[in-house]
Amino acid sequence: MNLTLQEERIKTENPDANLWRAVIDQAIEDLSQPKLRQAAVDWFASTAQVPGSFRWACDHLDLNPSAVWAALKKAKELEKTCATLESVFLRHSLNQAAGGLLPTRGLRSAW
């Protein structure tokens, strides 16, 4: 996933805020790592408001935790859609290159 808070241009003058922005960015990266994904999802989904929790970090950065989580889910859905479309286009191109000999099952269902 390529979305990070730094890319969203959240600027802070406070070193503590920079640290917590980096923690959230790392958790976003962890979502794309199979071994770390579940821990990252659990961290984002937690309702805890203790120091070090996602909600606490968002409060510290003056971010809406629900909006951040919604943006992450939207980015993930977009990523899935792009991967599906890429697969369909690749299969279609291979089928054309093979002179239409490949089975077309599934080509239309993605649209």
N, C-alpha and C. Protein backbone atom coordinates (compact mmCIF):
# COMPACT_ATOMS: atom_id res chain seq x y z
N MET A 1 0.86 -1.16 0.00
CA MET A 1 0.00 0.00 0.00
C MET A 1 0.91 1.22 0.00
N ASN A 2 0.60 2.13 -0.86
CA ASN A 2 1.49 3.28 -1.02
C ASN A 2 1.05 4.51 -0.25
N LEU A 3 -0.07 4.45 0.41
CA LEU A 3 -0.58 5.60 1.15
C LEU A 3 0.17 5.75 2.47
N THR A 4 0.70 6.94 2.72
CA THR A 4 1.32 7.23 4.01
C THR A 4 0.87 8.61 4.44
N LEU A 5 0.99 8.88 5.72
CA LEU A 5 0.62 10.20 6.20
C LEU A 5 1.57 11.25 5.67
N GLN A 6 2.82 10.90 5.45
CA GLN A 6 3.78 11.86 4.90
C GLN A 6 3.35 12.27 3.49
N GLU A 7 2.85 11.30 2.72
CA GLU A 7 2.38 11.63 1.38
C GLU A 7 1.14 12.52 1.42
N GLU A 8 0.39 12.43 2.49
CA GLU A 8 -0.79 13.27 2.65
C GLU A 8 -0.40 14.67 3.11
N ARG A 9 0.86 14.92 3.29
CA ARG A 9 1.43 16.23 3.62
C ARG A 9 0.98 16.76 4.99
N ILE A 10 0.88 15.86 5.94
CA ILE A 10 0.58 16.30 7.30
C ILE A 10 1.89 16.80 7.89
N LYS A 11 1.94 18.06 8.17
CA LYS A 11 3.17 18.67 8.68
C LYS A 11 3.01 18.98 10.16
N THR A 12 4.06 18.70 10.88
CA THR A 12 4.06 19.01 12.30
C THR A 12 5.41 19.63 12.66
N GLU A 13 5.38 20.46 13.66
CA GLU A 13 6.60 21.09 14.15
C GLU A 13 7.12 20.36 15.38
N ASN A 14 6.32 19.47 15.90
CA ASN A 14 6.60 18.79 17.15
C ASN A 14 7.28 17.45 16.89
N PRO A 15 8.47 17.19 17.45
CA PRO A 15 9.14 15.91 17.23
C PRO A 15 8.31 14.71 17.69
N ASP A 16 7.53 14.87 18.78
CA ASP A 16 6.66 13.78 19.23
C ASP A 16 5.62 13.46 18.16
N ALA A 17 5.06 14.48 17.55
CA ALA A 17 4.06 14.26 16.51
C ALA A 17 4.70 13.57 15.30
N ASN A 18 5.92 13.95 14.97
CA ASN A 18 6.63 13.30 13.86
C ASN A 18 6.82 11.81 14.15
N LEU A 19 7.13 11.50 15.40
CA LEU A 19 7.29 10.10 15.80
C LEU A 19 6.00 9.32 15.60
N TRP A 20 4.88 9.87 16.07
CA TRP A 20 3.62 9.15 15.97
C TRP A 20 3.11 9.07 14.54
N ARG A 21 3.44 10.07 13.73
CA ARG A 21 3.12 9.97 12.30
C ARG A 21 3.90 8.82 11.68
N ALA A 22 5.18 8.70 12.07
CA ALA A 22 6.01 7.59 11.56
C ALA A 22 5.48 6.24 12.03
N VAL A 23 4.96 6.17 13.26
CA VAL A 23 4.39 4.92 13.77
C VAL A 23 3.17 4.52 12.92
N ILE A 24 2.31 5.48 12.62
CA ILE A 24 1.14 5.18 11.79
C ILE A 24 1.59 4.77 10.38
N ASP A 25 2.57 5.48 9.83
CA ASP A 25 3.09 5.10 8.51
C ASP A 25 3.63 3.67 8.52
N GLN A 26 4.34 3.30 9.58
CA GLN A 26 4.87 1.94 9.67
C GLN A 26 3.74 0.92 9.75
N ALA A 27 2.70 1.23 10.50
CA ALA A 27 1.56 0.32 10.59
C ALA A 27 0.88 0.17 9.23
N ILE A 28 0.83 1.25 8.45
CA ILE A 28 0.28 1.17 7.10
C ILE A 28 1.13 0.22 6.25
N GLU A 29 2.44 0.34 6.36
CA GLU A 29 3.33 -0.57 5.64
C GLU A 29 3.13 -2.01 6.09
N ASP A 30 2.94 -2.18 7.40
CA ASP A 30 2.76 -3.53 7.95
C ASP A 30 1.52 -4.22 7.39
N LEU A 31 0.53 -3.44 6.96
CA LEU A 31 -0.67 -4.03 6.37
C LEU A 31 -0.35 -4.83 5.11
N SER A 32 0.73 -4.50 4.43
CA SER A 32 1.09 -5.20 3.19
C SER A 32 2.04 -6.37 3.44
N GLN A 33 2.40 -6.60 4.69
CA GLN A 33 3.31 -7.70 5.04
C GLN A 33 2.49 -8.84 5.65
N PRO A 34 2.45 -10.01 5.00
CA PRO A 34 1.62 -11.10 5.52
C PRO A 34 1.85 -11.43 6.99
N LYS A 35 3.08 -11.44 7.44
CA LYS A 35 3.36 -11.81 8.83
C LYS A 35 2.96 -10.73 9.82
N LEU A 36 2.83 -9.48 9.37
CA LEU A 36 2.53 -8.37 10.25
C LEU A 36 1.11 -7.84 10.08
N ARG A 37 0.43 -8.27 9.04
CA ARG A 37 -0.87 -7.72 8.67
C ARG A 37 -1.89 -7.78 9.82
N GLN A 38 -2.03 -8.93 10.44
CA GLN A 38 -3.07 -9.08 11.46
C GLN A 38 -2.81 -8.17 12.66
N ALA A 39 -1.55 -8.07 13.06
CA ALA A 39 -1.21 -7.18 14.18
C ALA A 39 -1.53 -5.73 13.82
N ALA A 40 -1.25 -5.34 12.58
CA ALA A 40 -1.55 -3.97 12.14
C ALA A 40 -3.05 -3.73 12.11
N VAL A 41 -3.80 -4.68 11.58
CA VAL A 41 -5.27 -4.54 11.54
C VAL A 41 -5.81 -4.42 12.96
N ASP A 42 -5.31 -5.28 13.85
CA ASP A 42 -5.76 -5.22 15.25
C ASP A 42 -5.45 -3.86 15.87
N TRP A 43 -4.28 -3.30 15.57
CA TRP A 43 -3.89 -2.00 16.12
C TRP A 43 -4.82 -0.91 15.60
N PHE A 44 -5.07 -0.91 14.28
CA PHE A 44 -5.97 0.09 13.70
C PHE A 44 -7.40 -0.06 14.23
N ALA A 45 -7.85 -1.29 14.42
CA ALA A 45 -9.23 -1.54 14.81
C ALA A 45 -9.48 -1.38 16.31
N SER A 46 -8.44 -1.31 17.09
CA SER A 46 -8.60 -1.21 18.53
C SER A 46 -9.33 0.08 18.93
N THR A 47 -10.16 -0.05 19.95
CA THR A 47 -10.85 1.13 20.48
C THR A 47 -10.13 1.72 21.69
N ALA A 48 -8.98 1.13 22.04
CA ALA A 48 -8.21 1.63 23.19
C ALA A 48 -7.74 3.06 22.93
N GLN A 49 -7.68 3.84 24.00
CA GLN A 49 -7.22 5.23 23.88
C GLN A 49 -6.02 5.47 24.78
N VAL A 50 -5.26 4.41 25.02
CA VAL A 50 -4.07 4.51 25.88
C VAL A 50 -2.88 4.97 25.04
N PRO A 51 -1.86 5.56 25.68
CA PRO A 51 -0.68 5.98 24.92
C PRO A 51 -0.11 4.82 24.09
N GLY A 52 0.13 5.11 22.83
CA GLY A 52 0.64 4.12 21.90
C GLY A 52 -0.42 3.47 21.04
N SER A 53 -1.69 3.66 21.39
CA SER A 53 -2.77 3.08 20.58
C SER A 53 -3.00 3.96 19.35
N PHE A 54 -3.66 3.37 18.36
CA PHE A 54 -3.97 4.10 17.13
C PHE A 54 -4.82 5.34 17.42
N ARG A 55 -5.85 5.17 18.22
CA ARG A 55 -6.73 6.32 18.53
C ARG A 55 -5.97 7.41 19.29
N TRP A 56 -5.10 7.01 20.19
CA TRP A 56 -4.30 7.98 20.94
C TRP A 56 -3.37 8.73 19.99
N ALA A 57 -2.72 8.00 19.07
CA ALA A 57 -1.82 8.63 18.10
C ALA A 57 -2.59 9.62 17.22
N CYS A 58 -3.80 9.22 16.80
CA CYS A 58 -4.62 10.13 15.98
C CYS A 58 -4.99 11.38 16.76
N ASP A 59 -5.37 11.21 18.01
CA ASP A 59 -5.68 12.37 18.85
C ASP A 59 -4.46 13.28 18.95
N HIS A 60 -3.30 12.68 19.13
CA HIS A 60 -2.05 13.43 19.26
C HIS A 60 -1.76 14.23 17.98
N LEU A 61 -2.16 13.67 16.83
CA LEU A 61 -1.92 14.31 15.53
C LEU A 61 -3.12 15.12 15.06
N ASP A 62 -4.18 15.18 15.87
CA ASP A 62 -5.41 15.88 15.50
C ASP A 62 -6.01 15.30 14.22
N LEU A 63 -6.04 13.96 14.16
CA LEU A 63 -6.63 13.24 13.03
C LEU A 63 -7.89 12.53 13.50
N ASN A 64 -8.80 12.31 12.60
CA ASN A 64 -10.01 11.54 12.87
C ASN A 64 -9.69 10.07 12.60
N PRO A 65 -9.62 9.21 13.63
CA PRO A 65 -9.26 7.80 13.41
C PRO A 65 -10.18 7.10 12.41
N SER A 66 -11.47 7.40 12.45
CA SER A 66 -12.41 6.77 11.51
C SER A 66 -12.11 7.17 10.08
N ALA A 67 -11.75 8.43 9.88
CA ALA A 67 -11.42 8.90 8.52
C ALA A 67 -10.13 8.26 8.01
N VAL A 68 -9.15 8.11 8.88
CA VAL A 68 -7.89 7.47 8.48
C VAL A 68 -8.16 6.02 8.09
N TRP A 69 -8.91 5.29 8.93
CA TRP A 69 -9.21 3.90 8.66
C TRP A 69 -10.04 3.76 7.39
N ALA A 70 -11.00 4.66 7.17
CA ALA A 70 -11.81 4.62 5.94
C ALA A 70 -10.95 4.86 4.71
N ALA A 71 -10.00 5.78 4.81
CA ALA A 71 -9.10 6.05 3.67
C ALA A 71 -8.23 4.83 3.37
N LEU A 72 -7.79 4.14 4.42
CA LEU A 72 -6.99 2.94 4.21
C LEU A 72 -7.81 1.84 3.54
N LYS A 73 -9.04 1.66 3.98
CA LYS A 73 -9.90 0.64 3.38
C LYS A 73 -10.21 0.99 1.93
N LYS A 74 -10.44 2.28 1.66
CA LYS A 74 -10.72 2.71 0.30
C LYS A 74 -9.50 2.47 -0.60
N ALA A 75 -8.30 2.78 -0.09
CA ALA A 75 -7.07 2.55 -0.85
C ALA A 75 -6.90 1.06 -1.13
N LYS A 76 -7.22 0.22 -0.16
CA LYS A 76 -7.09 -1.23 -0.34
C LYS A 76 -8.07 -1.72 -1.39
N GLU A 77 -9.30 -1.22 -1.37
CA GLU A 77 -10.29 -1.61 -2.37
C GLU A 77 -9.83 -1.18 -3.77
N LEU A 78 -9.29 0.03 -3.87
CA LEU A 78 -8.78 0.51 -5.15
C LEU A 78 -7.64 -0.38 -5.63
N GLU A 79 -6.77 -0.77 -4.71
CA GLU A 79 -5.65 -1.65 -5.05
C GLU A 79 -6.16 -2.99 -5.58
N LYS A 80 -7.19 -3.55 -4.94
CA LYS A 80 -7.78 -4.81 -5.38
C LYS A 80 -8.40 -4.66 -6.77
N THR A 81 -9.12 -3.56 -6.98
CA THR A 81 -9.76 -3.31 -8.26
C THR A 81 -8.72 -3.21 -9.37
N CYS A 82 -7.64 -2.47 -9.11
CA CYS A 82 -6.58 -2.33 -10.11
C CYS A 82 -5.93 -3.67 -10.42
N ALA A 83 -5.71 -4.49 -9.40
CA ALA A 83 -5.11 -5.81 -9.62
C ALA A 83 -6.03 -6.69 -10.46
N THR A 84 -7.34 -6.63 -10.19
CA THR A 84 -8.29 -7.42 -10.96
C THR A 84 -8.32 -6.96 -12.41
N LEU A 85 -8.37 -5.65 -12.62
CA LEU A 85 -8.38 -5.13 -13.99
C LEU A 85 -7.09 -5.47 -14.72
N GLU A 86 -5.98 -5.37 -14.03
CA GLU A 86 -4.69 -5.71 -14.64
C GLU A 86 -4.69 -7.17 -15.07
N SER A 87 -5.22 -8.05 -14.23
CA SER A 87 -5.29 -9.47 -14.54
C SER A 87 -6.18 -9.72 -15.76
N VAL A 88 -7.31 -9.04 -15.81
CA VAL A 88 -8.22 -9.19 -16.95
C VAL A 88 -7.56 -8.72 -18.24
N PHE A 89 -6.92 -7.56 -18.20
CA PHE A 89 -6.25 -7.03 -19.39
C PHE A 89 -5.11 -7.94 -19.83
N LEU A 90 -4.36 -8.48 -18.88
CA LEU A 90 -3.26 -9.38 -19.21
C LEU A 90 -3.80 -10.63 -19.87
N ARG A 91 -4.84 -11.22 -19.27
CA ARG A 91 -5.43 -12.43 -19.84
C ARG A 91 -5.98 -12.16 -21.24
N HIS A 92 -6.64 -11.03 -21.41
CA HIS A 92 -7.19 -10.67 -22.71
C HIS A 92 -6.05 -10.51 -23.73
N SER A 93 -4.97 -9.85 -23.35
CA SER A 93 -3.82 -9.66 -24.25
C SER A 93 -3.18 -10.99 -24.61
N LEU A 94 -3.04 -11.87 -23.62
CA LEU A 94 -2.48 -13.20 -23.89
C LEU A 94 -3.38 -13.98 -24.83
N ASN A 95 -4.69 -13.86 -24.64
CA ASN A 95 -5.64 -14.55 -25.49
C ASN A 95 -5.53 -14.04 -26.93
N GLN A 96 -5.39 -12.72 -27.08
CA GLN A 96 -5.23 -12.16 -28.42
C GLN A 96 -3.94 -12.66 -29.06
N ALA A 97 -2.86 -12.68 -28.27
CA ALA A 97 -1.57 -13.15 -28.78
C ALA A 97 -1.63 -14.63 -29.16
N ALA A 98 -2.48 -15.39 -28.47
CA ALA A 98 -2.61 -16.82 -28.75
C ALA A 98 -3.65 -17.08 -29.84
N GLY A 99 -4.11 -16.04 -30.47
CA GLY A 99 -5.08 -16.19 -31.55
C GLY A 99 -6.46 -16.60 -31.07
N GLY A 100 -6.78 -16.23 -29.82
CA GLY A 100 -8.11 -16.52 -29.28
C GLY A 100 -8.28 -17.95 -28.82
N LEU A 101 -7.16 -18.65 -28.59
CA LEU A 101 -7.23 -20.06 -28.21
C LEU A 101 -7.44 -20.29 -26.72
N LEU A 102 -7.19 -19.26 -25.90
CA LEU A 102 -7.34 -19.43 -24.45
C LEU A 102 -8.82 -19.38 -24.07
N PRO A 103 -9.20 -20.12 -23.04
CA PRO A 103 -10.61 -20.04 -22.60
C PRO A 103 -10.94 -18.64 -22.13
N THR A 104 -12.12 -18.19 -22.42
CA THR A 104 -12.52 -16.83 -22.05
C THR A 104 -13.30 -16.81 -20.74
N ARG A 105 -13.43 -17.94 -20.08
CA ARG A 105 -14.16 -18.02 -18.80
C ARG A 105 -13.59 -16.98 -17.85
N GLY A 106 -14.45 -16.18 -17.26
CA GLY A 106 -14.02 -15.20 -16.26
C GLY A 106 -13.67 -13.85 -16.83
N LEU A 107 -13.49 -13.73 -18.12
CA LEU A 107 -13.12 -12.45 -18.69
C LEU A 107 -14.22 -11.41 -18.50
N ARG A 108 -15.45 -11.79 -18.73
CA ARG A 108 -16.55 -10.85 -18.64
C ARG A 108 -17.00 -10.62 -17.20
N SER A 109 -16.79 -11.60 -16.33
CA SER A 109 -17.27 -11.46 -14.96
C SER A 109 -16.58 -10.33 -14.19
N ALA A 110 -15.36 -9.99 -14.57
CA ALA A 110 -14.65 -8.93 -13.87
C ALA A 110 -15.19 -7.55 -14.23
N TRP A 111 -15.91 -7.45 -15.30
CA TRP A 111 -16.46 -6.16 -15.71
C TRP A 111 -17.82 -6.02 -15.14
